[in-house]
Structure formats: structure tokens, C-alpha cells
Amino acid sequence: MKTQYYTATSLDGFLATEDDSLDWLFTLGELNNSSYPEFIAEVGALVMGSATYEWMIRNADQVAKETGSPWPYNQPAWVFSSRKLPMIEGADLHFANGDVDEIHREMRIAAKDKNIWIVGGGDLAGQFYDAGLLDELIVQVGSATLGKGKPLFPRRVLSPALRLISVRQMGAGMAELRYEVQKSGQEK
């Protein structure tokens, strides 16, 4: 079981524009031509921040067009938010607030022997990293720049460094980088 941050970023390190738009991403490739089908098959639980969840709600029609459903996940999902947010009918949702440690334990039980996916955003993934719970970053880098926006991973990671374990080209517009999070005392 791994806790993985699987995401896409612009070439200059942004997940979304300042107003949470992902329009830049959808022109760069097709979901089924990525590692997503294999990745999601190994996911037992997922977690996201409120901005990601609210993006899903605002873009339900586009999500349904791309995936076949306005809520495309069968797995239980945790949403971190300090605000009350609307439920999505048919989704197995759990709203959470506070420390990621306790919620991670709940997600591990729900995921059984499968992986936990940190859908977004970057700060939430950083909180899992800070708590020593993040095992892997899988980043699809798009051939677009945004200039400013929501940062990919707003943390300084110097030592121990991330270990690059694979690189995969995905068409003409994307490259996937897979990094293992090196924990203190772990061999390189």
C-alpha cells in the first residue's frame, strides 16, 4: 500500500490557474492514453482538498463527458475542508478537517491492500509529506506554462531528496515523472 500524489502540472509548476481553471490541461492529451487507467485500478481510497472538490462540482458536466459520470470514483473519498460543502449524490464521501494523520489511518482501513490517492491540491499533498505519510509523487508535466497559479507542491524538499524512478512520454504534450519519497534513513 502506498500513499501517492498523482497529478498534472504545467511546465512551470502550477496545477491550475489562480481561479482554479484546468482548461490548459484538457488540450494536452487523452485520459485513456495516460497511466490513469492502470493507476486508478490500484486505488482503494482517495483524498482531496476543498478547492479540488469544488472544481469537481462546478465541472460535473465536463467530468461526466470525460469519464461517464459527474463523480467518477467508486472508492471512498475524503474531502478536507473547514467549510460545509454540498454532497454529491451517489458518492462515498467523508468530510474531514485538521491533522492528516488520523484521517490517513481511516483511509488505510478503507483502502484495504490498495493505494491511497491524494488527488489535490498541492498543499494537502504537502501536509501528507510533512507528516511522513507520502510515498510517491506521480507528476504528468504538460507542455504549457501558466506564469502563476496554484503551485504543484509548495514544500521545500532537499534532503532526503525525491528519487526519480521512471519517466514516460505521453504523446507530444505530456511527460510523466514518477518519484519515490526518500524517508530519513532510507537507502538511495
N, C-alpha and C. Protein backbone atom coordinates (compact mmCIF):
# COMPACT_ATOMS: atom_id res chain seq x y z
N MET A 1 0.84 -1.18 0.00
CA MET A 1 0.00 0.00 0.00
C MET A 1 0.88 1.24 0.00
N LYS A 2 0.56 2.16 -0.90
CA LYS A 2 1.29 3.42 -0.99
C LYS A 2 0.31 4.59 -0.90
N THR A 3 0.80 5.70 -0.40
CA THR A 3 0.06 6.96 -0.47
C THR A 3 0.72 7.76 -1.58
N GLN A 4 -0.05 8.04 -2.63
CA GLN A 4 0.50 8.62 -3.85
C GLN A 4 -0.17 9.94 -4.20
N TYR A 5 0.64 10.89 -4.60
CA TYR A 5 0.14 12.15 -5.13
C TYR A 5 0.27 12.05 -6.64
N TYR A 6 -0.84 11.79 -7.31
CA TYR A 6 -0.90 11.61 -8.76
C TYR A 6 -1.58 12.85 -9.32
N THR A 7 -0.86 13.61 -10.14
CA THR A 7 -1.38 14.90 -10.58
C THR A 7 -0.76 15.31 -11.90
N ALA A 8 -1.25 16.43 -12.41
CA ALA A 8 -0.66 17.05 -13.61
C ALA A 8 -0.25 18.47 -13.25
N THR A 9 0.78 18.93 -13.93
CA THR A 9 1.29 20.28 -13.69
C THR A 9 1.72 20.91 -15.00
N SER A 10 1.68 22.23 -15.01
CA SER A 10 2.24 22.95 -16.15
C SER A 10 3.77 22.85 -16.08
N LEU A 11 4.42 23.18 -17.15
CA LEU A 11 5.87 23.13 -17.20
C LEU A 11 6.51 24.02 -16.14
N ASP A 12 5.83 25.10 -15.77
CA ASP A 12 6.37 26.00 -14.75
C ASP A 12 5.82 25.72 -13.35
N GLY A 13 5.24 24.54 -13.14
CA GLY A 13 4.93 24.06 -11.79
C GLY A 13 3.61 24.46 -11.18
N PHE A 14 2.58 24.67 -12.00
CA PHE A 14 1.27 25.02 -11.47
C PHE A 14 0.23 23.97 -11.83
N LEU A 15 -0.62 23.66 -10.85
CA LEU A 15 -1.71 22.70 -11.05
C LEU A 15 -2.86 23.32 -11.82
N ALA A 16 -3.16 24.56 -11.48
CA ALA A 16 -4.31 25.27 -12.04
C ALA A 16 -3.99 26.75 -12.07
N THR A 17 -4.83 27.48 -12.76
CA THR A 17 -4.69 28.93 -12.78
C THR A 17 -5.11 29.48 -11.42
N GLU A 18 -4.94 30.76 -11.22
CA GLU A 18 -5.30 31.38 -9.94
C GLU A 18 -6.79 31.22 -9.62
N ASP A 19 -7.62 31.10 -10.65
CA ASP A 19 -9.06 30.93 -10.43
C ASP A 19 -9.48 29.46 -10.56
N ASP A 20 -8.53 28.54 -10.35
CA ASP A 20 -8.77 27.09 -10.32
C ASP A 20 -9.17 26.48 -11.66
N SER A 21 -8.84 27.11 -12.76
CA SER A 21 -9.16 26.55 -14.07
C SER A 21 -8.13 25.49 -14.46
N LEU A 22 -8.64 24.40 -15.05
CA LEU A 22 -7.78 23.35 -15.59
C LEU A 22 -7.89 23.27 -17.11
N ASP A 23 -8.47 24.29 -17.72
CA ASP A 23 -8.67 24.27 -19.17
C ASP A 23 -7.38 24.02 -19.94
N TRP A 24 -6.26 24.52 -19.43
CA TRP A 24 -4.97 24.35 -20.09
C TRP A 24 -4.62 22.87 -20.23
N LEU A 25 -5.08 22.05 -19.31
CA LEU A 25 -4.70 20.64 -19.25
C LEU A 25 -5.42 19.78 -20.29
N PHE A 26 -6.69 20.06 -20.53
CA PHE A 26 -7.51 19.17 -21.34
C PHE A 26 -7.13 19.15 -22.81
N THR A 27 -6.37 20.12 -23.25
CA THR A 27 -5.94 20.15 -24.65
C THR A 27 -4.67 19.35 -24.90
N LEU A 28 -4.04 18.85 -23.82
CA LEU A 28 -2.71 18.23 -23.96
C LEU A 28 -2.72 16.72 -24.15
N GLY A 29 -3.82 16.08 -23.93
CA GLY A 29 -3.82 14.63 -24.08
C GLY A 29 -5.14 14.02 -23.66
N GLU A 30 -5.26 12.72 -23.87
CA GLU A 30 -6.48 11.98 -23.55
C GLU A 30 -6.23 11.13 -22.31
N LEU A 31 -7.23 11.08 -21.44
CA LEU A 31 -7.14 10.32 -20.20
C LEU A 31 -6.78 8.86 -20.45
N ASN A 32 -7.38 8.25 -21.45
CA ASN A 32 -7.15 6.83 -21.71
C ASN A 32 -5.78 6.56 -22.34
N ASN A 33 -5.09 7.60 -22.79
CA ASN A 33 -3.73 7.44 -23.33
C ASN A 33 -2.68 7.75 -22.28
N SER A 34 -3.09 7.79 -21.03
CA SER A 34 -2.18 8.06 -19.93
C SER A 34 -2.07 6.82 -19.05
N SER A 35 -1.38 6.96 -17.94
CA SER A 35 -1.26 5.85 -17.00
C SER A 35 -2.47 5.77 -16.07
N TYR A 36 -3.43 6.67 -16.24
CA TYR A 36 -4.58 6.74 -15.33
C TYR A 36 -5.36 5.43 -15.20
N PRO A 37 -5.72 4.74 -16.30
CA PRO A 37 -6.49 3.50 -16.13
C PRO A 37 -5.79 2.47 -15.23
N GLU A 38 -4.48 2.29 -15.40
CA GLU A 38 -3.75 1.35 -14.54
C GLU A 38 -3.64 1.89 -13.12
N PHE A 39 -3.42 3.19 -13.00
CA PHE A 39 -3.28 3.82 -11.69
C PHE A 39 -4.56 3.67 -10.87
N ILE A 40 -5.69 4.07 -11.42
CA ILE A 40 -6.94 4.08 -10.66
C ILE A 40 -7.39 2.67 -10.28
N ALA A 41 -6.99 1.68 -11.04
CA ALA A 41 -7.33 0.28 -10.72
C ALA A 41 -6.69 -0.16 -9.42
N GLU A 42 -5.61 0.51 -9.00
CA GLU A 42 -4.89 0.15 -7.78
C GLU A 42 -5.22 1.06 -6.60
N VAL A 43 -6.20 1.96 -6.78
CA VAL A 43 -6.57 2.91 -5.73
C VAL A 43 -7.74 2.36 -4.92
N GLY A 44 -7.58 2.37 -3.59
CA GLY A 44 -8.63 1.90 -2.70
C GLY A 44 -9.34 3.01 -1.96
N ALA A 45 -8.73 4.20 -1.88
CA ALA A 45 -9.33 5.36 -1.22
C ALA A 45 -8.65 6.60 -1.78
N LEU A 46 -9.35 7.73 -1.73
CA LEU A 46 -8.75 8.95 -2.22
C LEU A 46 -9.09 10.12 -1.31
N VAL A 47 -8.28 11.17 -1.43
CA VAL A 47 -8.45 12.35 -0.60
C VAL A 47 -8.18 13.59 -1.45
N MET A 48 -8.92 14.64 -1.17
CA MET A 48 -8.73 15.89 -1.90
C MET A 48 -9.06 17.06 -0.99
N GLY A 49 -8.59 18.23 -1.38
CA GLY A 49 -8.92 19.45 -0.67
C GLY A 49 -10.22 20.03 -1.18
N SER A 50 -10.69 21.06 -0.52
CA SER A 50 -11.97 21.66 -0.88
C SER A 50 -11.96 22.30 -2.26
N ALA A 51 -10.85 22.91 -2.67
CA ALA A 51 -10.80 23.54 -4.00
C ALA A 51 -10.94 22.49 -5.10
N THR A 52 -10.31 21.33 -4.93
CA THR A 52 -10.43 20.25 -5.90
C THR A 52 -11.86 19.73 -5.94
N TYR A 53 -12.45 19.52 -4.77
CA TYR A 53 -13.82 19.04 -4.69
C TYR A 53 -14.79 20.04 -5.33
N GLU A 54 -14.61 21.31 -5.02
CA GLU A 54 -15.49 22.33 -5.60
C GLU A 54 -15.31 22.42 -7.12
N TRP A 55 -14.09 22.18 -7.62
CA TRP A 55 -13.87 22.13 -9.06
C TRP A 55 -14.69 20.99 -9.66
N MET A 56 -14.70 19.83 -8.97
CA MET A 56 -15.48 18.67 -9.44
C MET A 56 -16.97 19.03 -9.54
N ILE A 57 -17.47 19.74 -8.55
CA ILE A 57 -18.88 20.14 -8.54
C ILE A 57 -19.17 21.12 -9.68
N ARG A 58 -18.33 22.15 -9.81
CA ARG A 58 -18.53 23.17 -10.86
C ARG A 58 -18.42 22.58 -12.26
N ASN A 59 -17.61 21.56 -12.42
CA ASN A 59 -17.35 20.99 -13.75
C ASN A 59 -17.94 19.60 -13.92
N ALA A 60 -19.03 19.33 -13.22
CA ALA A 60 -19.65 17.99 -13.25
C ALA A 60 -20.00 17.56 -14.68
N ASP A 61 -20.48 18.48 -15.50
CA ASP A 61 -20.83 18.12 -16.88
C ASP A 61 -19.59 17.71 -17.68
N GLN A 62 -18.53 18.48 -17.52
CA GLN A 62 -17.28 18.15 -18.23
C GLN A 62 -16.68 16.85 -17.72
N VAL A 63 -16.72 16.63 -16.41
CA VAL A 63 -16.22 15.38 -15.82
C VAL A 63 -17.04 14.21 -16.36
N ALA A 64 -18.36 14.36 -16.41
CA ALA A 64 -19.23 13.29 -16.93
C ALA A 64 -18.92 13.00 -18.40
N LYS A 65 -18.67 14.04 -19.17
CA LYS A 65 -18.34 13.85 -20.59
C LYS A 65 -17.03 13.07 -20.74
N GLU A 66 -16.06 13.39 -19.91
CA GLU A 66 -14.73 12.75 -19.98
C GLU A 66 -14.73 11.34 -19.40
N THR A 67 -15.49 11.13 -18.31
CA THR A 67 -15.39 9.86 -17.58
C THR A 67 -16.67 9.03 -17.56
N GLY A 68 -17.78 9.63 -17.96
CA GLY A 68 -19.05 8.90 -17.95
C GLY A 68 -19.90 9.14 -16.72
N SER A 69 -19.40 9.92 -15.75
CA SER A 69 -20.15 10.18 -14.52
C SER A 69 -19.69 11.50 -13.91
N PRO A 70 -20.62 12.27 -13.31
CA PRO A 70 -20.19 13.51 -12.67
C PRO A 70 -19.30 13.26 -11.45
N TRP A 71 -19.41 12.08 -10.83
CA TRP A 71 -18.49 11.66 -9.76
C TRP A 71 -17.88 10.34 -10.22
N PRO A 72 -16.68 10.36 -10.76
CA PRO A 72 -16.15 9.19 -11.46
C PRO A 72 -15.48 8.13 -10.58
N TYR A 73 -15.61 8.25 -9.26
CA TYR A 73 -14.87 7.35 -8.36
C TYR A 73 -15.81 6.39 -7.65
N ASN A 74 -15.41 5.13 -7.60
CA ASN A 74 -16.14 4.12 -6.83
C ASN A 74 -15.58 4.01 -5.43
N GLN A 75 -14.37 4.47 -5.23
CA GLN A 75 -13.68 4.38 -3.95
C GLN A 75 -14.23 5.41 -2.96
N PRO A 76 -14.09 5.11 -1.67
CA PRO A 76 -14.44 6.14 -0.68
C PRO A 76 -13.47 7.31 -0.80
N ALA A 77 -14.02 8.52 -0.59
CA ALA A 77 -13.22 9.73 -0.75
C ALA A 77 -13.37 10.61 0.49
N TRP A 78 -12.24 11.18 0.90
CA TRP A 78 -12.21 12.14 2.00
C TRP A 78 -11.95 13.52 1.40
N VAL A 79 -12.69 14.51 1.88
CA VAL A 79 -12.53 15.89 1.43
C VAL A 79 -12.16 16.72 2.65
N PHE A 80 -10.97 17.34 2.60
CA PHE A 80 -10.53 18.21 3.68
C PHE A 80 -11.08 19.61 3.44
N SER A 81 -11.85 20.10 4.42
CA SER A 81 -12.41 21.43 4.32
C SER A 81 -12.80 21.92 5.70
N SER A 82 -12.65 23.20 5.92
CA SER A 82 -13.12 23.80 7.17
C SER A 82 -14.54 24.33 7.00
N ARG A 83 -15.06 24.23 5.78
CA ARG A 83 -16.42 24.72 5.48
C ARG A 83 -17.36 23.55 5.20
N LYS A 84 -18.64 23.79 5.34
CA LYS A 84 -19.64 22.79 4.98
C LYS A 84 -19.83 22.84 3.47
N LEU A 85 -19.67 21.69 2.83
CA LEU A 85 -19.78 21.61 1.37
C LEU A 85 -20.93 20.68 1.00
N PRO A 86 -21.50 20.87 -0.19
CA PRO A 86 -22.61 20.01 -0.60
C PRO A 86 -22.13 18.58 -0.90
N MET A 87 -23.02 17.63 -0.68
CA MET A 87 -22.75 16.23 -1.02
C MET A 87 -23.01 16.02 -2.51
N ILE A 88 -22.34 15.05 -3.09
CA ILE A 88 -22.62 14.62 -4.45
C ILE A 88 -23.37 13.30 -4.34
N GLU A 89 -24.54 13.25 -4.93
CA GLU A 89 -25.37 12.06 -4.83
C GLU A 89 -24.62 10.84 -5.38
N GLY A 90 -24.67 9.76 -4.61
CA GLY A 90 -24.05 8.50 -5.02
C GLY A 90 -22.58 8.37 -4.68
N ALA A 91 -21.97 9.44 -4.18
CA ALA A 91 -20.54 9.40 -3.84
C ALA A 91 -20.37 8.95 -2.39
N ASP A 92 -19.35 8.13 -2.15
CA ASP A 92 -18.99 7.69 -0.80
C ASP A 92 -18.03 8.72 -0.23
N LEU A 93 -18.58 9.79 0.36
CA LEU A 93 -17.80 10.94 0.80
C LEU A 93 -17.70 11.03 2.31
N HIS A 94 -16.54 11.47 2.77
CA HIS A 94 -16.28 11.73 4.18
C HIS A 94 -15.62 13.11 4.25
N PHE A 95 -16.20 14.02 5.00
CA PHE A 95 -15.60 15.34 5.13
C PHE A 95 -14.71 15.37 6.36
N ALA A 96 -13.55 15.98 6.24
CA ALA A 96 -12.55 15.97 7.31
C ALA A 96 -11.96 17.36 7.48
N ASN A 97 -11.39 17.56 8.66
CA ASN A 97 -10.74 18.83 8.97
C ASN A 97 -9.64 18.53 9.99
N GLY A 98 -8.52 19.19 9.88
CA GLY A 98 -7.48 19.02 10.88
C GLY A 98 -6.30 18.21 10.39
N ASP A 99 -5.71 17.47 11.31
CA ASP A 99 -4.48 16.71 11.08
C ASP A 99 -4.70 15.53 10.13
N VAL A 100 -3.80 15.36 9.17
CA VAL A 100 -3.94 14.29 8.19
C VAL A 100 -3.64 12.90 8.77
N ASP A 101 -2.88 12.83 9.89
CA ASP A 101 -2.51 11.54 10.48
C ASP A 101 -3.71 10.66 10.79
N GLU A 102 -4.67 11.20 11.53
CA GLU A 102 -5.83 10.42 11.95
C GLU A 102 -6.67 9.99 10.75
N ILE A 103 -6.88 10.89 9.81
CA ILE A 103 -7.67 10.58 8.63
C ILE A 103 -6.94 9.54 7.77
N HIS A 104 -5.62 9.62 7.72
CA HIS A 104 -4.84 8.64 6.95
C HIS A 104 -5.08 7.23 7.48
N ARG A 105 -5.18 7.09 8.79
CA ARG A 105 -5.46 5.77 9.38
C ARG A 105 -6.82 5.25 8.90
N GLU A 106 -7.82 6.11 8.88
CA GLU A 106 -9.15 5.72 8.39
C GLU A 106 -9.08 5.31 6.92
N MET A 107 -8.34 6.07 6.13
CA MET A 107 -8.23 5.78 4.70
C MET A 107 -7.52 4.45 4.46
N ARG A 108 -6.50 4.16 5.25
CA ARG A 108 -5.77 2.89 5.12
C ARG A 108 -6.70 1.71 5.35
N ILE A 109 -7.56 1.82 6.35
CA ILE A 109 -8.52 0.75 6.63
C ILE A 109 -9.48 0.59 5.45
N ALA A 110 -10.00 1.71 4.95
CA ALA A 110 -10.95 1.68 3.84
C ALA A 110 -10.31 1.16 2.55
N ALA A 111 -9.04 1.50 2.33
CA ALA A 111 -8.34 1.11 1.10
C ALA A 111 -7.97 -0.36 1.08
N LYS A 112 -7.98 -0.99 2.25
CA LYS A 112 -7.57 -2.39 2.40
C LYS A 112 -6.13 -2.53 1.92
N ASP A 113 -5.86 -3.31 0.90
CA ASP A 113 -4.48 -3.51 0.44
C ASP A 113 -4.15 -2.65 -0.79
N LYS A 114 -5.04 -1.73 -1.13
CA LYS A 114 -4.81 -0.87 -2.30
C LYS A 114 -4.20 0.47 -1.87
N ASN A 115 -3.89 1.30 -2.84
CA ASN A 115 -3.22 2.58 -2.60
C ASN A 115 -4.20 3.69 -2.23
N ILE A 116 -3.64 4.73 -1.63
CA ILE A 116 -4.38 5.95 -1.31
C ILE A 116 -3.90 7.03 -2.28
N TRP A 117 -4.85 7.68 -2.93
CA TRP A 117 -4.54 8.71 -3.91
C TRP A 117 -4.85 10.09 -3.35
N ILE A 118 -3.84 10.93 -3.29
CA ILE A 118 -4.04 12.35 -2.99
C ILE A 118 -4.31 13.02 -4.33
N VAL A 119 -5.58 13.37 -4.55
CA VAL A 119 -6.00 13.93 -5.83
C VAL A 119 -5.49 15.36 -5.97
N GLY A 120 -5.54 16.13 -4.92
CA GLY A 120 -5.09 17.51 -4.93
C GLY A 120 -5.71 18.23 -3.75
N GLY A 121 -5.22 19.36 -3.46
CA GLY A 121 -4.20 20.11 -4.13
C GLY A 121 -2.82 19.94 -3.54
N GLY A 122 -1.97 20.82 -4.01
CA GLY A 122 -0.57 20.75 -3.66
C GLY A 122 -0.29 20.91 -2.18
N ASP A 123 -1.01 21.81 -1.51
CA ASP A 123 -0.77 21.99 -0.08
C ASP A 123 -1.21 20.77 0.71
N LEU A 124 -2.33 20.15 0.32
CA LEU A 124 -2.78 18.94 1.01
C LEU A 124 -1.74 17.82 0.84
N ALA A 125 -1.22 17.65 -0.37
CA ALA A 125 -0.15 16.67 -0.59
C ALA A 125 1.05 17.01 0.28
N GLY A 126 1.35 18.30 0.41
CA GLY A 126 2.44 18.74 1.27
C GLY A 126 2.21 18.39 2.73
N GLN A 127 0.98 18.45 3.19
CA GLN A 127 0.68 18.08 4.57
C GLN A 127 0.94 16.59 4.80
N PHE A 128 0.61 15.75 3.83
CA PHE A 128 0.91 14.32 3.94
C PHE A 128 2.42 14.11 3.93
N TYR A 129 3.13 14.87 3.11
CA TYR A 129 4.59 14.80 3.08
C TYR A 129 5.17 15.20 4.44
N ASP A 130 4.69 16.32 4.98
CA ASP A 130 5.18 16.81 6.27
C ASP A 130 4.99 15.79 7.38
N ALA A 131 3.90 15.02 7.31
CA ALA A 131 3.59 14.01 8.32
C ALA A 131 4.32 12.69 8.07
N GLY A 132 5.13 12.62 7.01
CA GLY A 132 5.86 11.39 6.69
C GLY A 132 4.98 10.30 6.10
N LEU A 133 3.84 10.67 5.52
CA LEU A 133 2.87 9.70 5.02
C LEU A 133 2.88 9.55 3.50
N LEU A 134 3.56 10.44 2.79
CA LEU A 134 3.59 10.41 1.33
C LEU A 134 4.70 9.48 0.85
N ASP A 135 4.34 8.54 -0.02
CA ASP A 135 5.31 7.57 -0.52
C ASP A 135 5.79 7.87 -1.94
N GLU A 136 4.92 8.47 -2.76
CA GLU A 136 5.25 8.60 -4.17
C GLU A 136 4.56 9.82 -4.77
N LEU A 137 5.26 10.50 -5.68
CA LEU A 137 4.69 11.56 -6.49
C LEU A 137 4.71 11.08 -7.93
N ILE A 138 3.56 11.14 -8.58
CA ILE A 138 3.45 10.80 -9.99
C ILE A 138 2.93 12.07 -10.66
N VAL A 139 3.81 12.72 -11.41
CA VAL A 139 3.51 14.04 -11.95
C VAL A 139 3.55 14.00 -13.46
N GLN A 140 2.44 14.36 -14.07
CA GLN A 140 2.38 14.48 -15.51
C GLN A 140 2.59 15.95 -15.86
N VAL A 141 3.71 16.22 -16.51
CA VAL A 141 4.12 17.58 -16.82
C VAL A 141 3.66 17.93 -18.23
N GLY A 142 2.83 18.97 -18.33
CA GLY A 142 2.30 19.39 -19.62
C GLY A 142 3.16 20.45 -20.27
N SER A 143 3.10 20.48 -21.58
CA SER A 143 3.90 21.43 -22.36
C SER A 143 3.18 22.77 -22.48
N ALA A 144 2.81 23.32 -21.33
CA ALA A 144 2.16 24.63 -21.26
C ALA A 144 2.73 25.35 -20.04
N THR A 145 2.77 26.66 -20.10
CA THR A 145 3.17 27.45 -18.93
C THR A 145 2.02 28.37 -18.56
N LEU A 146 1.86 28.61 -17.27
CA LEU A 146 0.75 29.45 -16.79
C LEU A 146 1.23 30.78 -16.22
N GLY A 147 2.51 30.87 -15.86
CA GLY A 147 3.04 32.12 -15.32
C GLY A 147 2.78 32.29 -13.83
N LYS A 148 1.59 31.92 -13.39
CA LYS A 148 1.23 31.94 -11.98
C LYS A 148 -0.02 31.08 -11.81
N GLY A 149 -0.28 30.72 -10.57
CA GLY A 149 -1.44 29.88 -10.31
C GLY A 149 -1.27 29.10 -9.02
N LYS A 150 -1.93 27.94 -8.94
CA LYS A 150 -1.88 27.07 -7.77
C LYS A 150 -0.64 26.17 -7.88
N PRO A 151 0.30 26.26 -6.93
CA PRO A 151 1.56 25.52 -7.05
C PRO A 151 1.39 24.01 -6.92
N LEU A 152 2.23 23.30 -7.64
CA LEU A 152 2.24 21.84 -7.65
C LEU A 152 2.47 21.26 -6.26
N PHE A 153 3.50 21.72 -5.57
CA PHE A 153 3.89 21.12 -4.30
C PHE A 153 4.62 22.18 -3.49
N PRO A 154 3.88 23.01 -2.75
CA PRO A 154 4.51 24.14 -2.08
C PRO A 154 5.28 23.72 -0.82
N ARG A 155 6.32 22.95 -1.04
CA ARG A 155 7.21 22.50 0.02
C ARG A 155 8.64 22.53 -0.50
N ARG A 156 9.56 22.70 0.41
CA ARG A 156 10.97 22.59 0.07
C ARG A 156 11.38 21.16 0.40
N VAL A 157 11.84 20.43 -0.61
CA VAL A 157 12.28 19.05 -0.42
C VAL A 157 13.72 18.96 -0.91
N LEU A 158 14.65 18.95 0.04
CA LEU A 158 16.06 18.94 -0.31
C LEU A 158 16.76 17.68 0.16
N SER A 159 16.53 17.29 1.40
CA SER A 159 17.24 16.15 1.95
C SER A 159 16.37 15.49 3.01
N PRO A 160 16.05 14.25 2.88
CA PRO A 160 16.40 13.42 1.72
C PRO A 160 15.59 13.83 0.50
N ALA A 161 16.20 13.74 -0.64
CA ALA A 161 15.59 14.19 -1.89
C ALA A 161 14.60 13.16 -2.42
N LEU A 162 13.82 13.58 -3.38
CA LEU A 162 12.94 12.66 -4.09
C LEU A 162 13.82 11.83 -5.04
N ARG A 163 13.45 10.58 -5.22
CA ARG A 163 14.22 9.69 -6.10
C ARG A 163 13.41 9.40 -7.36
N LEU A 164 13.92 9.83 -8.51
CA LEU A 164 13.25 9.59 -9.79
C LEU A 164 13.31 8.10 -10.10
N ILE A 165 12.14 7.48 -10.29
CA ILE A 165 12.13 6.04 -10.58
C ILE A 165 11.65 5.71 -11.99
N SER A 166 10.96 6.65 -12.67
CA SER A 166 10.62 6.40 -14.07
C SER A 166 10.22 7.70 -14.77
N VAL A 167 10.39 7.67 -16.10
CA VAL A 167 10.00 8.76 -16.98
C VAL A 167 9.28 8.13 -18.15
N ARG A 168 8.13 8.72 -18.53
CA ARG A 168 7.34 8.16 -19.63
C ARG A 168 6.80 9.31 -20.49
N GLN A 169 7.04 9.26 -21.78
CA GLN A 169 6.45 10.24 -22.68
C GLN A 169 5.03 9.83 -22.98
N MET A 170 4.12 10.81 -22.97
CA MET A 170 2.71 10.55 -23.27
C MET A 170 2.29 11.48 -24.40
N GLY A 171 2.48 11.04 -25.62
CA GLY A 171 2.17 11.88 -26.77
C GLY A 171 3.13 13.04 -26.89
N ALA A 172 2.70 14.06 -27.62
CA ALA A 172 3.57 15.20 -27.88
C ALA A 172 3.47 16.28 -26.81
N GLY A 173 2.49 16.15 -25.88
CA GLY A 173 2.28 17.24 -24.95
C GLY A 173 2.51 16.94 -23.49
N MET A 174 2.84 15.69 -23.12
CA MET A 174 2.96 15.35 -21.71
C MET A 174 4.12 14.39 -21.48
N ALA A 175 4.70 14.49 -20.30
CA ALA A 175 5.70 13.53 -19.83
C ALA A 175 5.34 13.19 -18.38
N GLU A 176 5.41 11.92 -18.04
CA GLU A 176 5.11 11.51 -16.67
C GLU A 176 6.40 11.19 -15.92
N LEU A 177 6.56 11.84 -14.77
CA LEU A 177 7.70 11.61 -13.89
C LEU A 177 7.19 10.95 -12.63
N ARG A 178 7.82 9.86 -12.24
CA ARG A 178 7.44 9.14 -11.03
C ARG A 178 8.59 9.23 -10.05
N TYR A 179 8.30 9.75 -8.84
CA TYR A 179 9.30 9.94 -7.80
C TYR A 179 8.92 9.15 -6.55
N GLU A 180 9.91 8.52 -5.96
CA GLU A 180 9.74 7.89 -4.66
C GLU A 180 10.18 8.91 -3.61
N VAL A 181 9.39 9.03 -2.55
CA VAL A 181 9.76 9.93 -1.47
C VAL A 181 10.77 9.21 -0.59
N GLN A 182 11.96 9.77 -0.49
CA GLN A 182 13.02 9.20 0.34
C GLN A 182 12.78 9.61 1.79
N LYS A 183 12.66 8.63 2.66
CA LYS A 183 12.43 8.91 4.08
C LYS A 183 13.78 8.92 4.79
N SER A 184 13.88 9.61 5.88
CA SER A 184 15.14 9.66 6.63
C SER A 184 15.62 8.25 6.95
N GLY A 185 16.89 7.99 6.68
CA GLY A 185 17.48 6.68 6.96
C GLY A 185 17.27 5.68 5.83
N GLN A 186 16.50 6.04 4.80
CA GLN A 186 16.24 5.14 3.67
C GLN A 186 17.42 5.20 2.72
N GLU A 187 17.84 4.03 2.23
CA GLU A 187 18.97 3.99 1.27
C GLU A 187 18.55 4.59 -0.04
N LYS A 188 19.49 5.21 -0.72
CA LYS A 188 19.23 5.82 -2.03
C LYS A 188 19.50 4.86 -3.13
